[in-house]
Amino acid sequence: IVYLVAVWTVCRAEDRRGLLVLVLAIAAGLRLAVIFSPPFLSDDIYRYVWDGRVQAAGINPYRFLPADRELAPLRDQKIFPHINRRDYARTIYPPLAQAVFLAATRVSESVIWMKAVMVAFEGITVWLLIQLLGSRNLPLQRIVIYAWHPLAVWEIAGSGHVDAIAVALITLAL
């Protein structure tokens, strides 16, 4: 209800640059409030870090289960125990996502860093949506509809979902 009231209020306000800056600042603050917390709605992010680690070791992430003995030297106590379906499922993530996982884990093999990478893709989405709104002569503060949406905040900044990559690419296509 708070989200809907905020969206209604912002969208009815006069189009001003200051309002856009405020909307974006609050959106950033919402993400900062959850990015450092443990994943809440999903633990998929541990698989992203794992897949990046496996690739960095020169191993195809589609080849083995995380629990297979071939990958035993890559196990640790921060990531491996939290990988879902580690005993019976190979990775399901497509090649482009795998490339992002590899690139991200070359900077840091941490959940917080992987979340930050996904939030960066979300930043690309927000920028592209602002460009799209401007090209249609629509008020730029309408970005509030996406930028403050609780699902985007919790799923991407909170759980680091890979959907951020897909959404950025779909928005780029628009």
C-alpha atoms as a PDB file:
ATOM      1  CA  ILE A   1       0.000   0.000   0.000  1.00  0.00           C
ATOM      2  CA  VAL A   2       2.860   2.367   0.845  1.00  0.00           C
ATOM      3  CA  TYR A   3       4.437   1.628  -2.547  1.00  0.00           C
ATOM      4  CA  LEU A   4       1.176   2.271  -4.415  1.00  0.00           C
ATOM      5  CA  VAL A   5       0.550   5.546  -2.560  1.00  0.00           C
ATOM      6  CA  ALA A   6       4.133   6.669  -3.248  1.00  0.00           C
ATOM      7  CA  VAL A   7       3.838   5.829  -6.956  1.00  0.00           C
ATOM      8  CA  TRP A   8       0.497   7.613  -7.219  1.00  0.00           C
ATOM      9  CA  THR A   9       1.901  10.695  -5.470  1.00  0.00           C
ATOM     10  CA  VAL A  10       5.115  10.875  -7.512  1.00  0.00           C
ATOM     11  CA  CYS A  11       3.392  10.238 -10.838  1.00  0.00           C
ATOM     12  CA  ARG A  12       0.856  13.027 -10.181  1.00  0.00           C
ATOM     13  CA  ALA A  13       3.546  15.548  -9.214  1.00  0.00           C
ATOM     14  CA  GLU A  14       4.847  18.163 -11.616  1.00  0.00           C
ATOM     15  CA  ASP A  15       7.712  16.904 -13.797  1.00  0.00           C
ATOM     16  CA  ARG A  16      10.913  18.269 -12.218  1.00  0.00           C
ATOM     17  CA  ARG A  17      14.541  17.210 -12.338  1.00  0.00           C
ATOM     18  CA  GLY A  18      14.777  17.401  -8.547  1.00  0.00           C
ATOM     19  CA  LEU A  19      11.975  14.886  -8.207  1.00  0.00           C
ATOM     20  CA  LEU A  20      13.777  12.458 -10.517  1.00  0.00           C
ATOM     21  CA  VAL A  21      16.944  12.801  -8.424  1.00  0.00           C
ATOM     22  CA  LEU A  22      14.920  12.156  -5.254  1.00  0.00           C
ATOM     23  CA  VAL A  23      13.270   9.062  -6.782  1.00  0.00           C
ATOM     24  CA  LEU A  24      16.656   7.669  -7.826  1.00  0.00           C
ATOM     25  CA  ALA A  25      18.252   8.453  -4.452  1.00  0.00           C
ATOM     26  CA  ILE A  26      15.475   6.652  -2.582  1.00  0.00           C
ATOM     27  CA  ALA A  27      15.736   3.713  -5.020  1.00  0.00           C
ATOM     28  CA  ALA A  28      19.471   3.478  -4.287  1.00  0.00           C
ATOM     29  CA  GLY A  29      18.805   3.703  -0.554  1.00  0.00           C
ATOM     30  CA  LEU A  30      16.261   0.889  -0.718  1.00  0.00           C
ATOM     31  CA  ARG A  31      18.834  -1.336  -2.405  1.00  0.00           C
ATOM     32  CA  LEU A  32      21.590  -0.404   0.031  1.00  0.00           C
ATOM     33  CA  ALA A  33      19.276  -1.319   2.895  1.00  0.00           C
ATOM     34  CA  VAL A  34      19.101  -4.963   1.743  1.00  0.00           C
ATOM     35  CA  ILE A  35      22.208  -5.664  -0.352  1.00  0.00           C
ATOM     36  CA  PHE A  36      24.386  -6.449   2.690  1.00  0.00           C
ATOM     37  CA  SER A  37      21.867  -8.801   4.288  1.00  0.00           C
ATOM     38  CA  PRO A  38      21.867 -12.557   3.621  1.00  0.00           C
ATOM     39  CA  PRO A  39      19.683 -13.661   0.676  1.00  0.00           C
ATOM     40  CA  PHE A  40      16.110 -13.773   1.894  1.00  0.00           C
ATOM     41  CA  LEU A  41      13.741 -15.109  -0.759  1.00  0.00           C
ATOM     42  CA  SER A  42      16.121 -17.388  -2.665  1.00  0.00           C
ATOM     43  CA  ASP A  43      19.537 -18.983  -2.282  1.00  0.00           C
ATOM     44  CA  ASP A  44      20.240 -19.217  -6.028  1.00  0.00           C
ATOM     45  CA  ILE A  45      23.023 -16.656  -5.715  1.00  0.00           C
ATOM     46  CA  TYR A  46      25.267 -19.254  -4.085  1.00  0.00           C
ATOM     47  CA  ARG A  47      25.055 -21.285  -7.301  1.00  0.00           C
ATOM     48  CA  TYR A  48      26.062 -18.203  -9.321  1.00  0.00           C
ATOM     49  CA  VAL A  49      29.208 -17.758  -7.234  1.00  0.00           C
ATOM     50  CA  TRP A  50      29.886 -21.506  -7.399  1.00  0.00           C
ATOM     51  CA  ASP A  51      29.486 -21.610 -11.182  1.00  0.00           C
ATOM     52  CA  GLY A  52      31.887 -18.674 -11.557  1.00  0.00           C
ATOM     53  CA  ARG A  53      34.410 -20.452  -9.335  1.00  0.00           C
ATOM     54  CA  VAL A  54      34.074 -23.688 -11.314  1.00  0.00           C
ATOM     55  CA  GLN A  55      34.637 -21.865 -14.610  1.00  0.00           C
ATOM     56  CA  ALA A  56      37.660 -20.029 -13.206  1.00  0.00           C
ATOM     57  CA  ALA A  57      39.145 -23.445 -12.410  1.00  0.00           C
ATOM     58  CA  GLY A  58      38.826 -24.309 -16.118  1.00  0.00           C
ATOM     59  CA  ILE A  59      35.903 -26.705 -15.620  1.00  0.00           C
ATOM     60  CA  ASN A  60      32.651 -26.646 -17.567  1.00  0.00           C
ATOM     61  CA  PRO A  61      29.892 -25.871 -15.002  1.00  0.00           C
ATOM     62  CA  TYR A  62      27.427 -28.031 -16.948  1.00  0.00           C
ATOM     63  CA  ARG A  63      29.605 -31.134 -16.585  1.00  0.00           C
ATOM     64  CA  PHE A  64      29.486 -31.977 -12.876  1.00  0.00           C
ATOM     65  CA  LEU A  65      27.171 -31.722  -9.892  1.00  0.00           C
ATOM     66  CA  PRO A  66      28.608 -29.466  -7.187  1.00  0.00           C
ATOM     67  CA  ALA A  67      28.774 -32.521  -4.896  1.00  0.00           C
ATOM     68  CA  ASP A  68      30.800 -34.607  -7.387  1.00  0.00           C
ATOM     69  CA  ARG A  69      34.252 -35.574  -6.146  1.00  0.00           C
ATOM     70  CA  GLU A  70      35.884 -33.870  -9.161  1.00  0.00           C
ATOM     71  CA  LEU A  71      34.898 -30.512  -7.693  1.00  0.00           C
ATOM     72  CA  ALA A  72      35.896 -31.290  -4.087  1.00  0.00           C
ATOM     73  CA  PRO A  73      38.984 -29.020  -4.193  1.00  0.00           C
ATOM     74  CA  LEU A  74      36.719 -26.014  -4.941  1.00  0.00           C
ATOM     75  CA  ARG A  75      34.537 -26.429  -1.848  1.00  0.00           C
ATOM     76  CA  ASP A  76      34.563 -23.954   1.004  1.00  0.00           C
ATOM     77  CA  GLN A  77      32.433 -23.176   4.039  1.00  0.00           C
ATOM     78  CA  LYS A  78      30.948 -19.882   2.777  1.00  0.00           C
ATOM     79  CA  ILE A  79      29.430 -20.887  -0.569  1.00  0.00           C
ATOM     80  CA  PHE A  80      29.300 -24.666  -1.012  1.00  0.00           C
ATOM     81  CA  PRO A  81      27.047 -25.548   1.992  1.00  0.00           C
ATOM     82  CA  HIS A  82      24.385 -23.122   0.730  1.00  0.00           C
ATOM     83  CA  ILE A  83      24.155 -24.351  -2.879  1.00  0.00           C
ATOM     84  CA  ASN A  84      20.663 -25.644  -3.496  1.00  0.00           C
ATOM     85  CA  ARG A  85      20.242 -28.972  -5.316  1.00  0.00           C
ATOM     86  CA  ARG A  86      24.016 -29.552  -5.098  1.00  0.00           C
ATOM     87  CA  ASP A  87      23.581 -33.339  -4.846  1.00  0.00           C
ATOM     88  CA  TYR A  88      21.300 -33.897  -7.813  1.00  0.00           C
ATOM     89  CA  ALA A  89      21.203 -30.971 -10.260  1.00  0.00           C
ATOM     90  CA  ARG A  90      23.744 -29.508 -12.618  1.00  0.00           C
ATOM     91  CA  THR A  91      23.564 -25.798 -13.263  1.00  0.00           C
ATOM     92  CA  ILE A  92      20.571 -24.535 -15.214  1.00  0.00           C
ATOM     93  CA  TYR A  93      21.887 -21.073 -16.060  1.00  0.00           C
ATOM     94  CA  PRO A  94      22.482 -20.143 -19.715  1.00  0.00           C
ATOM     95  CA  PRO A  95      25.867 -19.211 -21.218  1.00  0.00           C
ATOM     96  CA  LEU A  96      25.479 -15.425 -20.986  1.00  0.00           C
ATOM     97  CA  ALA A  97      24.630 -15.704 -17.294  1.00  0.00           C
ATOM     98  CA  GLN A  98      27.629 -18.002 -16.879  1.00  0.00           C
ATOM     99  CA  ALA A  99      29.851 -15.357 -18.474  1.00  0.00           C
ATOM    100  CA  VAL A 100      28.592 -12.788 -15.964  1.00  0.00           C
ATOM    101  CA  PHE A 101      29.178 -15.226 -13.085  1.00  0.00           C
ATOM    102  CA  LEU A 102      32.737 -15.813 -14.236  1.00  0.00           C
ATOM    103  CA  ALA A 103      33.476 -12.104 -14.678  1.00  0.00           C
ATOM    104  CA  ALA A 104      31.959 -11.222 -11.297  1.00  0.00           C
ATOM    105  CA  THR A 105      33.832 -13.903  -9.401  1.00  0.00           C
ATOM    106  CA  ARG A 106      37.139 -12.779 -10.873  1.00  0.00           C
ATOM    107  CA  VAL A 107      36.691  -9.637  -8.788  1.00  0.00           C
ATOM    108  CA  SER A 108      35.279 -11.357  -5.679  1.00  0.00           C
ATOM    109  CA  GLU A 109      33.763 -14.735  -4.894  1.00  0.00           C
ATOM    110  CA  SER A 110      31.288 -13.244  -2.446  1.00  0.00           C
ATOM    111  CA  VAL A 111      27.519 -13.107  -2.314  1.00  0.00           C
ATOM    112  CA  ILE A 112      27.561  -9.357  -1.658  1.00  0.00           C
ATOM    113  CA  TRP A 113      29.678  -8.705  -4.751  1.00  0.00           C
ATOM    114  CA  MET A 114      27.409 -10.898  -6.906  1.00  0.00           C
ATOM    115  CA  LYS A 115      24.414  -8.938  -5.594  1.00  0.00           C
ATOM    116  CA  ALA A 116      26.224  -5.704  -6.466  1.00  0.00           C
ATOM    117  CA  VAL A 117      26.769  -6.955 -10.021  1.00  0.00           C
ATOM    118  CA  MET A 118      23.060  -7.739 -10.360  1.00  0.00           C
ATOM    119  CA  VAL A 119      22.183  -4.306  -8.952  1.00  0.00           C
ATOM    120  CA  ALA A 120      24.522  -2.795 -11.561  1.00  0.00           C
ATOM    121  CA  PHE A 121      22.504  -4.554 -14.281  1.00  0.00           C
ATOM    122  CA  GLU A 122      19.411  -3.133 -12.644  1.00  0.00           C
ATOM    123  CA  GLY A 123      21.029   0.305 -12.832  1.00  0.00           C
ATOM    124  CA  ILE A 124      21.388  -0.226 -16.573  1.00  0.00           C
ATOM    125  CA  THR A 125      17.688  -1.096 -16.705  1.00  0.00           C
ATOM    126  CA  VAL A 126      16.745   2.077 -14.833  1.00  0.00           C
ATOM    127  CA  TRP A 127      18.899   4.225 -17.120  1.00  0.00           C
ATOM    128  CA  LEU A 128      17.385   2.587 -20.221  1.00  0.00           C
ATOM    129  CA  LEU A 129      13.849   3.047 -18.887  1.00  0.00           C
ATOM    130  CA  ILE A 130      14.558   6.730 -18.270  1.00  0.00           C
ATOM    131  CA  GLN A 131      15.784   7.006 -21.880  1.00  0.00           C
ATOM    132  CA  LEU A 132      12.619   5.235 -23.050  1.00  0.00           C
ATOM    133  CA  LEU A 133      10.381   7.554 -21.031  1.00  0.00           C
ATOM    134  CA  GLY A 134      12.212  10.593 -22.430  1.00  0.00           C
ATOM    135  CA  SER A 135      11.907   9.345 -26.000  1.00  0.00           C
ATOM    136  CA  ARG A 136       8.137   9.104 -25.536  1.00  0.00           C
ATOM    137  CA  ASN A 137       7.930  12.547 -23.886  1.00  0.00           C
ATOM    138  CA  LEU A 138       6.641  10.965 -20.685  1.00  0.00           C
ATOM    139  CA  PRO A 139       7.496  12.308 -17.223  1.00  0.00           C
ATOM    140  CA  LEU A 140      10.833  10.844 -16.167  1.00  0.00           C
ATOM    141  CA  GLN A 141       9.732  10.419 -12.570  1.00  0.00           C
ATOM    142  CA  ARG A 142       7.558   7.535 -13.736  1.00  0.00           C
ATOM    143  CA  ILE A 143      10.697   5.469 -13.258  1.00  0.00           C
ATOM    144  CA  VAL A 144       9.401   5.278  -9.686  1.00  0.00           C
ATOM    145  CA  ILE A 145       7.081   2.460 -10.832  1.00  0.00           C
ATOM    146  CA  TYR A 146      10.073   0.179 -11.401  1.00  0.00           C
ATOM    147  CA  ALA A 147      12.724   1.709  -9.163  1.00  0.00           C
ATOM    148  CA  TRP A 148      10.701   1.494  -5.949  1.00  0.00           C
ATOM    149  CA  HIS A 149       8.888  -1.751  -6.701  1.00  0.00           C
ATOM    150  CA  PRO A 150       9.342  -4.075  -3.714  1.00  0.00           C
ATOM    151  CA  LEU A 151       9.765  -7.156  -5.911  1.00  0.00           C
ATOM    152  CA  ALA A 152      12.696  -5.601  -7.779  1.00  0.00           C
ATOM    153  CA  VAL A 153      14.302  -4.461  -4.530  1.00  0.00           C
ATOM    154  CA  TRP A 154      13.985  -7.797  -2.733  1.00  0.00           C
ATOM    155  CA  GLU A 155      14.647 -10.137  -5.644  1.00  0.00           C
ATOM    156  CA  ILE A 156      17.630  -8.299  -7.105  1.00  0.00           C
ATOM    157  CA  ALA A 157      19.286  -6.386  -4.264  1.00  0.00           C
ATOM    158  CA  GLY A 158      18.074  -8.799  -1.595  1.00  0.00           C
ATOM    159  CA  SER A 159      18.566 -12.132  -3.322  1.00  0.00           C
ATOM    160  CA  GLY A 160      20.759 -11.161  -6.276  1.00  0.00           C
ATOM    161  CA  HIS A 161      18.563 -12.820  -8.854  1.00  0.00           C
ATOM    162  CA  VAL A 162      19.954 -13.345 -12.337  1.00  0.00           C
ATOM    163  CA  ASP A 163      16.740 -11.906 -13.771  1.00  0.00           C
ATOM    164  CA  ALA A 164      18.453  -8.513 -13.551  1.00  0.00           C
ATOM    165  CA  ILE A 165      20.551  -9.457 -16.571  1.00  0.00           C
ATOM    166  CA  ALA A 166      17.526 -10.546 -18.588  1.00  0.00           C
ATOM    167  CA  VAL A 167      15.516  -7.456 -17.683  1.00  0.00           C
ATOM    168  CA  ALA A 168      18.402  -5.177 -18.691  1.00  0.00           C
ATOM    169  CA  LEU A 169      18.711  -6.925 -22.058  1.00  0.00           C
ATOM    170  CA  ILE A 170      14.948  -6.861 -22.676  1.00  0.00           C
ATOM    171  CA  THR A 171      14.886  -3.156 -21.831  1.00  0.00           C
ATOM    172  CA  LEU A 172      17.812  -2.576 -24.185  1.00  0.00           C
ATOM    173  CA  ALA A 173      15.780  -4.295 -26.928  1.00  0.00           C
ATOM    174  CA  LEU A 174      12.917  -1.861 -26.276  1.00  0.00           C
END
